[in-house]
Amino acid sequence: MSHYVACLDLTGKRCLVIGTGAMADEKIAGLRAAGADVASAAEYEPALLDGVWLVVVADPAQGERVAADAAERRVFCNVADVPDLCSFILPAIHRRGAITVAVSTAGASPALAQWLRDDFAARVGPEHEALAEELRELRPWVKETFPTYAERRDFFRSRVEEALAS
């Protein structure tokens, strides 16, 4: 299966985690780190989906019911370790400042995704983090100065190559 990859702005958005334990705690922490308004419940009831943008099910035993209700309400749903019930999957991620490294195996192997994430993340250093912040600050000037997408793209590519050439 091929997924459309996106980074979601969940700031202030209502999200739900169903289940308890270490996996539920990990999902809650990740959603909160993204600024989501997170509710959690050990046991699922359909009314819990009211006003929810997305739901993560950390208890696969409740997954089929939650996934069916979520699909009916057009709420994105992830059932841990059951890719066939997911309307979205969660990549293995590493954050360093403005940089996020995310790796997915489309649900085939979370262990492989984690290994690859760690390998890629080890290459991201403080110089990359500082460059990302510099480029963020330059964006308004670049948008004002270069009228076309191609010119802006070329400017940023050149700046990255220049900054990271060794």
N, C-alpha and C. Protein backbone atom coordinates (compact mmCIF):
# COMPACT_ATOMS: atom_id res chain seq x y z
N MET A 1 0.84 -1.18 0.00
CA MET A 1 0.00 0.00 0.00
C MET A 1 0.88 1.24 0.00
N SER A 2 0.49 2.22 -0.73
CA SER A 2 1.22 3.48 -0.78
C SER A 2 0.43 4.52 0.00
N HIS A 3 1.11 5.21 0.89
CA HIS A 3 0.46 6.22 1.74
C HIS A 3 0.83 7.62 1.29
N TYR A 4 -0.06 8.54 1.53
CA TYR A 4 0.23 9.96 1.34
C TYR A 4 0.81 10.45 2.65
N VAL A 5 2.04 10.90 2.62
CA VAL A 5 2.74 11.29 3.84
C VAL A 5 2.52 12.77 4.10
N ALA A 6 2.17 13.11 5.34
CA ALA A 6 1.93 14.50 5.73
C ALA A 6 2.29 14.68 7.19
N CYS A 7 2.63 15.90 7.56
CA CYS A 7 2.84 16.25 8.96
C CYS A 7 1.61 17.06 9.38
N LEU A 8 0.89 16.58 10.36
CA LEU A 8 -0.37 17.19 10.77
C LEU A 8 -0.15 18.25 11.84
N ASP A 9 -0.85 19.36 11.71
CA ASP A 9 -0.88 20.37 12.77
C ASP A 9 -2.05 20.01 13.67
N LEU A 10 -1.76 19.43 14.82
CA LEU A 10 -2.79 19.01 15.75
C LEU A 10 -2.96 19.98 16.92
N THR A 11 -2.35 21.14 16.83
CA THR A 11 -2.42 22.11 17.91
C THR A 11 -3.87 22.40 18.28
N GLY A 12 -4.22 22.08 19.52
CA GLY A 12 -5.56 22.33 20.02
C GLY A 12 -6.63 21.40 19.49
N LYS A 13 -6.26 20.44 18.65
CA LYS A 13 -7.24 19.52 18.08
C LYS A 13 -7.50 18.37 19.07
N ARG A 14 -8.76 17.98 19.17
CA ARG A 14 -9.15 16.90 20.07
C ARG A 14 -8.74 15.55 19.46
N CYS A 15 -7.94 14.79 20.20
CA CYS A 15 -7.51 13.47 19.79
C CYS A 15 -7.81 12.49 20.93
N LEU A 16 -7.98 11.24 20.58
CA LEU A 16 -8.38 10.22 21.56
C LEU A 16 -7.43 9.04 21.48
N VAL A 17 -7.06 8.52 22.64
CA VAL A 17 -6.27 7.29 22.72
C VAL A 17 -7.10 6.29 23.52
N ILE A 18 -7.32 5.11 22.94
CA ILE A 18 -8.06 4.04 23.59
C ILE A 18 -7.08 2.98 24.05
N GLY A 19 -7.16 2.63 25.33
CA GLY A 19 -6.30 1.59 25.89
C GLY A 19 -5.44 2.15 27.00
N THR A 20 -4.70 1.26 27.65
CA THR A 20 -3.82 1.64 28.75
C THR A 20 -2.47 0.96 28.57
N GLY A 21 -1.53 1.35 29.39
CA GLY A 21 -0.22 0.71 29.36
C GLY A 21 0.82 1.56 28.65
N ALA A 22 1.98 0.96 28.45
CA ALA A 22 3.13 1.68 27.90
C ALA A 22 2.84 2.21 26.49
N MET A 23 2.18 1.41 25.65
CA MET A 23 1.91 1.87 24.30
C MET A 23 0.96 3.06 24.30
N ALA A 24 -0.09 2.99 25.11
CA ALA A 24 -1.03 4.11 25.21
C ALA A 24 -0.31 5.35 25.72
N ASP A 25 0.54 5.19 26.73
CA ASP A 25 1.29 6.32 27.28
C ASP A 25 2.18 6.96 26.21
N GLU A 26 2.81 6.12 25.39
CA GLU A 26 3.68 6.62 24.31
C GLU A 26 2.87 7.43 23.29
N LYS A 27 1.71 6.92 22.93
CA LYS A 27 0.86 7.62 21.95
C LYS A 27 0.34 8.94 22.52
N ILE A 28 -0.06 8.93 23.79
CA ILE A 28 -0.54 10.15 24.45
C ILE A 28 0.57 11.19 24.48
N ALA A 29 1.77 10.77 24.86
CA ALA A 29 2.91 11.70 24.93
C ALA A 29 3.22 12.29 23.56
N GLY A 30 3.18 11.47 22.51
CA GLY A 30 3.46 11.95 21.16
C GLY A 30 2.43 12.96 20.68
N LEU A 31 1.17 12.69 20.96
CA LEU A 31 0.11 13.61 20.57
C LEU A 31 0.21 14.93 21.34
N ARG A 32 0.49 14.83 22.63
CA ARG A 32 0.64 16.06 23.44
C ARG A 32 1.84 16.87 22.98
N ALA A 33 2.93 16.19 22.62
CA ALA A 33 4.12 16.90 22.12
C ALA A 33 3.80 17.66 20.84
N ALA A 34 2.80 17.19 20.10
CA ALA A 34 2.37 17.86 18.87
C ALA A 34 1.32 18.93 19.15
N GLY A 35 1.00 19.15 20.43
CA GLY A 35 0.06 20.21 20.79
C GLY A 35 -1.39 19.79 20.80
N ALA A 36 -1.66 18.50 20.65
CA ALA A 36 -3.04 18.02 20.62
C ALA A 36 -3.68 18.09 22.00
N ASP A 37 -4.99 18.24 22.01
CA ASP A 37 -5.81 18.14 23.21
C ASP A 37 -6.20 16.67 23.31
N VAL A 38 -5.55 15.93 24.20
CA VAL A 38 -5.67 14.47 24.22
C VAL A 38 -6.58 13.99 25.33
N ALA A 39 -7.53 13.15 24.95
CA ALA A 39 -8.36 12.42 25.91
C ALA A 39 -7.95 10.96 25.81
N SER A 40 -8.10 10.24 26.91
CA SER A 40 -7.78 8.82 26.87
C SER A 40 -8.87 8.05 27.61
N ALA A 41 -9.01 6.80 27.21
CA ALA A 41 -10.02 5.94 27.83
C ALA A 41 -9.56 4.51 27.77
N ALA A 42 -9.77 3.79 28.85
CA ALA A 42 -9.42 2.37 28.88
C ALA A 42 -10.40 1.56 28.04
N GLU A 43 -11.67 1.91 28.13
CA GLU A 43 -12.73 1.19 27.42
C GLU A 43 -13.42 2.13 26.44
N TYR A 44 -13.66 1.66 25.26
CA TYR A 44 -14.25 2.45 24.20
C TYR A 44 -15.77 2.50 24.27
N GLU A 45 -16.31 3.67 24.00
CA GLU A 45 -17.74 3.89 23.78
C GLU A 45 -17.84 4.84 22.58
N PRO A 46 -18.78 4.62 21.67
CA PRO A 46 -18.88 5.45 20.47
C PRO A 46 -18.94 6.95 20.75
N ALA A 47 -19.57 7.37 21.83
CA ALA A 47 -19.70 8.80 22.14
C ALA A 47 -18.33 9.45 22.34
N LEU A 48 -17.32 8.65 22.65
CA LEU A 48 -15.97 9.20 22.84
C LEU A 48 -15.43 9.83 21.55
N LEU A 49 -15.96 9.43 20.39
CA LEU A 49 -15.49 9.97 19.11
C LEU A 49 -16.09 11.34 18.78
N ASP A 50 -17.06 11.78 19.55
CA ASP A 50 -17.68 13.08 19.28
C ASP A 50 -16.63 14.20 19.34
N GLY A 51 -16.51 14.94 18.25
CA GLY A 51 -15.59 16.07 18.20
C GLY A 51 -14.12 15.72 18.07
N VAL A 52 -13.81 14.46 17.80
CA VAL A 52 -12.42 14.00 17.72
C VAL A 52 -11.92 14.09 16.28
N TRP A 53 -10.67 14.54 16.11
CA TRP A 53 -10.02 14.61 14.79
C TRP A 53 -9.40 13.27 14.41
N LEU A 54 -8.77 12.64 15.41
CA LEU A 54 -8.19 11.33 15.15
C LEU A 54 -8.17 10.53 16.43
N VAL A 55 -8.13 9.20 16.23
CA VAL A 55 -8.11 8.28 17.36
C VAL A 55 -6.99 7.27 17.15
N VAL A 56 -6.31 6.95 18.24
CA VAL A 56 -5.28 5.91 18.23
C VAL A 56 -5.73 4.84 19.22
N VAL A 57 -5.75 3.61 18.75
CA VAL A 57 -6.18 2.49 19.59
C VAL A 57 -4.95 1.70 20.00
N ALA A 58 -4.62 1.76 21.28
CA ALA A 58 -3.45 1.04 21.80
C ALA A 58 -3.83 -0.36 22.28
N ASP A 59 -5.11 -0.67 22.26
CA ASP A 59 -5.61 -1.99 22.66
C ASP A 59 -6.26 -2.64 21.43
N PRO A 60 -5.50 -3.46 20.69
CA PRO A 60 -6.02 -4.04 19.45
C PRO A 60 -7.32 -4.82 19.62
N ALA A 61 -7.61 -5.31 20.82
CA ALA A 61 -8.86 -6.05 21.04
C ALA A 61 -10.07 -5.16 20.80
N GLN A 62 -9.91 -3.85 20.96
CA GLN A 62 -11.01 -2.92 20.73
C GLN A 62 -10.95 -2.31 19.32
N GLY A 63 -9.95 -2.70 18.55
CA GLY A 63 -9.66 -2.05 17.28
C GLY A 63 -10.74 -2.12 16.23
N GLU A 64 -11.34 -3.29 16.01
CA GLU A 64 -12.33 -3.42 14.94
C GLU A 64 -13.52 -2.51 15.17
N ARG A 65 -14.00 -2.47 16.38
CA ARG A 65 -15.17 -1.65 16.70
C ARG A 65 -14.85 -0.16 16.54
N VAL A 66 -13.70 0.26 17.09
CA VAL A 66 -13.31 1.67 17.00
C VAL A 66 -13.09 2.05 15.54
N ALA A 67 -12.38 1.22 14.79
CA ALA A 67 -12.09 1.52 13.39
C ALA A 67 -13.37 1.66 12.57
N ALA A 68 -14.34 0.79 12.81
CA ALA A 68 -15.60 0.86 12.07
C ALA A 68 -16.35 2.15 12.40
N ASP A 69 -16.44 2.48 13.69
CA ASP A 69 -17.13 3.71 14.09
C ASP A 69 -16.40 4.95 13.58
N ALA A 70 -15.08 4.92 13.63
CA ALA A 70 -14.29 6.06 13.16
C ALA A 70 -14.48 6.26 11.66
N ALA A 71 -14.48 5.18 10.90
CA ALA A 71 -14.68 5.29 9.45
C ALA A 71 -16.05 5.87 9.14
N GLU A 72 -17.06 5.44 9.87
CA GLU A 72 -18.42 5.94 9.68
C GLU A 72 -18.49 7.45 9.95
N ARG A 73 -17.70 7.93 10.90
CA ARG A 73 -17.70 9.35 11.27
C ARG A 73 -16.63 10.16 10.55
N ARG A 74 -15.87 9.50 9.69
CA ARG A 74 -14.76 10.15 8.98
C ARG A 74 -13.71 10.73 9.93
N VAL A 75 -13.37 9.94 10.94
CA VAL A 75 -12.32 10.26 11.89
C VAL A 75 -11.13 9.36 11.56
N PHE A 76 -9.96 9.94 11.39
CA PHE A 76 -8.78 9.12 11.13
C PHE A 76 -8.52 8.21 12.32
N CYS A 77 -8.15 6.96 12.02
CA CYS A 77 -7.98 5.95 13.07
C CYS A 77 -6.72 5.14 12.83
N ASN A 78 -5.97 4.92 13.92
CA ASN A 78 -4.80 4.05 13.90
C ASN A 78 -5.00 3.00 14.97
N VAL A 79 -4.95 1.74 14.58
CA VAL A 79 -5.02 0.63 15.53
C VAL A 79 -3.63 0.02 15.58
N ALA A 80 -2.99 0.15 16.72
CA ALA A 80 -1.60 -0.30 16.87
C ALA A 80 -1.44 -1.76 16.45
N ASP A 81 -0.46 -1.99 15.62
CA ASP A 81 -0.08 -3.33 15.17
C ASP A 81 -1.13 -4.04 14.32
N VAL A 82 -2.12 -3.29 13.80
CA VAL A 82 -3.12 -3.88 12.91
C VAL A 82 -3.29 -2.94 11.71
N PRO A 83 -2.33 -2.94 10.78
CA PRO A 83 -2.38 -2.00 9.66
C PRO A 83 -3.67 -2.05 8.84
N ASP A 84 -4.30 -3.22 8.74
CA ASP A 84 -5.52 -3.34 7.95
C ASP A 84 -6.68 -2.54 8.52
N LEU A 85 -6.61 -2.18 9.80
CA LEU A 85 -7.68 -1.40 10.43
C LEU A 85 -7.36 0.09 10.47
N CYS A 86 -6.23 0.48 9.94
CA CYS A 86 -5.76 1.87 10.06
C CYS A 86 -6.13 2.71 8.84
N SER A 87 -6.61 3.92 9.10
CA SER A 87 -6.77 4.88 8.01
C SER A 87 -5.54 5.79 7.93
N PHE A 88 -4.65 5.68 8.93
CA PHE A 88 -3.34 6.31 8.87
C PHE A 88 -2.38 5.46 9.70
N ILE A 89 -1.11 5.53 9.35
CA ILE A 89 -0.10 4.80 10.12
C ILE A 89 0.89 5.81 10.69
N LEU A 90 1.57 5.40 11.72
CA LEU A 90 2.52 6.28 12.40
C LEU A 90 3.95 5.84 12.09
N PRO A 91 4.74 6.74 11.52
CA PRO A 91 6.13 6.39 11.24
C PRO A 91 6.96 6.42 12.52
N ALA A 92 8.14 5.84 12.45
CA ALA A 92 9.11 5.98 13.53
C ALA A 92 9.72 7.36 13.36
N ILE A 93 9.72 8.18 14.42
CA ILE A 93 10.20 9.55 14.28
C ILE A 93 11.31 9.89 15.25
N HIS A 94 12.10 10.89 14.85
CA HIS A 94 13.13 11.50 15.69
C HIS A 94 13.06 12.99 15.43
N ARG A 95 13.02 13.77 16.52
CA ARG A 95 12.97 15.23 16.36
C ARG A 95 14.25 15.86 16.90
N ARG A 96 14.71 16.85 16.17
CA ARG A 96 15.84 17.67 16.61
C ARG A 96 15.52 19.08 16.14
N GLY A 97 15.02 19.91 17.05
CA GLY A 97 14.62 21.26 16.70
C GLY A 97 13.53 21.21 15.64
N ALA A 98 13.73 21.97 14.56
CA ALA A 98 12.74 22.03 13.49
C ALA A 98 12.79 20.82 12.56
N ILE A 99 13.76 19.95 12.77
CA ILE A 99 13.94 18.80 11.88
C ILE A 99 13.26 17.58 12.46
N THR A 100 12.47 16.92 11.63
CA THR A 100 11.85 15.65 12.00
C THR A 100 12.26 14.61 10.98
N VAL A 101 12.83 13.53 11.47
CA VAL A 101 13.15 12.38 10.62
C VAL A 101 12.04 11.37 10.86
N ALA A 102 11.35 10.97 9.80
CA ALA A 102 10.27 9.99 9.91
C ALA A 102 10.49 8.89 8.90
N VAL A 103 10.34 7.65 9.37
CA VAL A 103 10.54 6.50 8.49
C VAL A 103 9.36 5.55 8.66
N SER A 104 8.84 5.09 7.52
CA SER A 104 7.73 4.15 7.53
C SER A 104 8.05 2.97 6.63
N THR A 105 7.58 1.82 7.03
CA THR A 105 7.65 0.63 6.19
C THR A 105 6.23 0.22 5.79
N ALA A 106 5.30 1.19 5.81
CA ALA A 106 3.89 0.94 5.48
C ALA A 106 3.29 -0.15 6.36
N GLY A 107 3.77 -0.22 7.59
CA GLY A 107 3.23 -1.18 8.54
C GLY A 107 3.88 -2.55 8.46
N ALA A 108 4.79 -2.76 7.52
CA ALA A 108 5.39 -4.08 7.35
C ALA A 108 6.29 -4.47 8.51
N SER A 109 7.07 -3.51 9.01
CA SER A 109 8.00 -3.84 10.09
C SER A 109 8.37 -2.60 10.89
N PRO A 110 7.68 -2.37 12.00
CA PRO A 110 8.06 -1.25 12.87
C PRO A 110 9.52 -1.34 13.34
N ALA A 111 10.03 -2.55 13.55
CA ALA A 111 11.41 -2.71 14.00
C ALA A 111 12.39 -2.18 12.94
N LEU A 112 12.14 -2.48 11.67
CA LEU A 112 12.99 -1.98 10.60
C LEU A 112 12.88 -0.46 10.50
N ALA A 113 11.67 0.06 10.60
CA ALA A 113 11.48 1.52 10.56
C ALA A 113 12.26 2.20 11.68
N GLN A 114 12.22 1.62 12.87
CA GLN A 114 12.96 2.20 14.00
C GLN A 114 14.46 2.14 13.77
N TRP A 115 14.95 1.05 13.21
CA TRP A 115 16.38 0.92 12.94
C TRP A 115 16.82 1.98 11.92
N LEU A 116 16.06 2.11 10.85
CA LEU A 116 16.38 3.10 9.82
C LEU A 116 16.30 4.51 10.39
N ARG A 117 15.28 4.79 11.19
CA ARG A 117 15.15 6.11 11.81
C ARG A 117 16.39 6.44 12.63
N ASP A 118 16.83 5.50 13.44
CA ASP A 118 18.01 5.74 14.27
C ASP A 118 19.25 5.97 13.42
N ASP A 119 19.38 5.22 12.33
CA ASP A 119 20.52 5.38 11.43
C ASP A 119 20.50 6.77 10.79
N PHE A 120 19.36 7.19 10.27
CA PHE A 120 19.24 8.52 9.65
C PHE A 120 19.40 9.62 10.69
N ALA A 121 18.78 9.46 11.85
CA ALA A 121 18.81 10.48 12.89
C ALA A 121 20.23 10.74 13.38
N ALA A 122 21.07 9.70 13.38
CA ALA A 122 22.45 9.86 13.82
C ALA A 122 23.23 10.81 12.92
N ARG A 123 22.75 11.03 11.72
CA ARG A 123 23.42 11.92 10.77
C ARG A 123 23.00 13.38 10.93
N VAL A 124 21.95 13.62 11.71
CA VAL A 124 21.43 14.98 11.89
C VAL A 124 22.07 15.57 13.14
N GLY A 125 22.88 16.61 12.91
CA GLY A 125 23.62 17.22 14.01
C GLY A 125 23.17 18.63 14.32
N PRO A 126 23.86 19.27 15.25
CA PRO A 126 23.51 20.63 15.63
C PRO A 126 23.65 21.62 14.47
N GLU A 127 24.56 21.33 13.53
CA GLU A 127 24.72 22.22 12.39
C GLU A 127 23.47 22.22 11.50
N HIS A 128 22.80 21.07 11.41
CA HIS A 128 21.56 20.97 10.63
C HIS A 128 20.43 21.72 11.33
N GLU A 129 20.38 21.55 12.63
CA GLU A 129 19.36 22.24 13.42
C GLU A 129 19.51 23.76 13.30
N ALA A 130 20.74 24.24 13.40
CA ALA A 130 21.00 25.68 13.27
C ALA A 130 20.66 26.18 11.86
N LEU A 131 21.00 25.38 10.85
CA LEU A 131 20.71 25.76 9.48
C LEU A 131 19.19 25.83 9.25
N ALA A 132 18.46 24.90 9.80
CA ALA A 132 17.00 24.92 9.65
C ALA A 132 16.42 26.21 10.24
N GLU A 133 16.92 26.63 11.38
CA GLU A 133 16.43 27.87 12.00
C GLU A 133 16.81 29.09 11.14
N GLU A 134 18.03 29.10 10.61
CA GLU A 134 18.46 30.19 9.73
C GLU A 134 17.56 30.29 8.50
N LEU A 135 17.27 29.14 7.89
CA LEU A 135 16.44 29.12 6.69
C LEU A 135 15.00 29.53 7.00
N ARG A 136 14.52 29.16 8.18
CA ARG A 136 13.17 29.60 8.58
C ARG A 136 13.12 31.13 8.66
N GLU A 137 14.15 31.74 9.22
CA GLU A 137 14.21 33.19 9.35
C GLU A 137 14.33 33.88 7.98
N LEU A 138 14.98 33.21 7.03
CA LEU A 138 15.15 33.77 5.68
C LEU A 138 13.90 33.68 4.81
N ARG A 139 12.98 32.80 5.15
CA ARG A 139 11.82 32.55 4.28
C ARG A 139 11.06 33.82 3.89
N PRO A 140 10.71 34.71 4.82
CA PRO A 140 9.97 35.90 4.40
C PRO A 140 10.75 36.75 3.40
N TRP A 141 12.07 36.95 3.64
CA TRP A 141 12.89 37.73 2.72
C TRP A 141 12.95 37.06 1.35
N VAL A 142 13.13 35.75 1.33
CA VAL A 142 13.22 35.02 0.07
C VAL A 142 11.91 35.12 -0.70
N LYS A 143 10.78 35.00 -0.02
CA LYS A 143 9.48 35.12 -0.70
C LYS A 143 9.30 36.51 -1.30
N GLU A 144 9.80 37.52 -0.61
CA GLU A 144 9.71 38.90 -1.12
C GLU A 144 10.66 39.14 -2.29
N THR A 145 11.83 38.53 -2.24
CA THR A 145 12.90 38.79 -3.18
C THR A 145 12.80 37.99 -4.47
N PHE A 146 12.38 36.75 -4.36
CA PHE A 146 12.33 35.86 -5.53
C PHE A 146 10.88 35.56 -5.87
N PRO A 147 10.42 36.02 -7.04
CA PRO A 147 8.99 35.93 -7.37
C PRO A 147 8.48 34.52 -7.72
N THR A 148 9.36 33.63 -8.17
CA THR A 148 8.86 32.32 -8.60
C THR A 148 9.30 31.21 -7.65
N TYR A 149 8.53 30.16 -7.68
CA TYR A 149 8.86 28.99 -6.88
C TYR A 149 10.25 28.46 -7.25
N ALA A 150 10.54 28.37 -8.54
CA ALA A 150 11.82 27.84 -9.00
C ALA A 150 12.99 28.66 -8.47
N GLU A 151 12.85 29.98 -8.47
CA GLU A 151 13.93 30.84 -7.95
C GLU A 151 14.11 30.63 -6.45
N ARG A 152 13.02 30.52 -5.73
CA ARG A 152 13.11 30.30 -4.28
C ARG A 152 13.73 28.94 -3.98
N ARG A 153 13.29 27.92 -4.72
CA ARG A 153 13.84 26.58 -4.56
C ARG A 153 15.35 26.58 -4.81
N ASP A 154 15.76 27.21 -5.90
CA ASP A 154 17.18 27.23 -6.24
C ASP A 154 18.00 27.99 -5.19
N PHE A 155 17.45 29.09 -4.68
CA PHE A 155 18.15 29.84 -3.64
C PHE A 155 18.38 28.95 -2.42
N PHE A 156 17.31 28.29 -1.96
CA PHE A 156 17.44 27.47 -0.75
C PHE A 156 18.36 26.28 -0.97
N ARG A 157 18.29 25.65 -2.13
CA ARG A 157 19.19 24.53 -2.42
C ARG A 157 20.64 25.00 -2.39
N SER A 158 20.89 26.14 -2.99
CA SER A 158 22.24 26.68 -3.02
C SER A 158 22.72 27.00 -1.59
N ARG A 159 21.86 27.58 -0.80
CA ARG A 159 22.23 27.94 0.58
C ARG A 159 22.54 26.69 1.41
N VAL A 160 21.74 25.65 1.24
CA VAL A 160 21.98 24.40 1.96
C VAL A 160 23.31 23.79 1.53
N GLU A 161 23.55 23.71 0.22
CA GLU A 161 24.80 23.14 -0.28
C GLU A 161 25.99 23.92 0.22
N GLU A 162 25.89 25.24 0.19
CA GLU A 162 26.98 26.11 0.65
C GLU A 162 27.23 25.92 2.15
N ALA A 163 26.19 25.85 2.93
CA ALA A 163 26.33 25.72 4.38
C ALA A 163 26.87 24.36 4.80
N LEU A 164 26.55 23.32 4.05
CA LEU A 164 26.92 21.97 4.47
C LEU A 164 28.12 21.40 3.71
N ALA A 165 28.67 22.16 2.77
CA ALA A 165 29.84 21.69 2.03
C ALA A 165 31.01 21.54 2.99
N SER A 166 31.68 20.42 2.88
CA SER A 166 32.85 20.26 3.75
C SER A 166 34.03 19.71 3.02
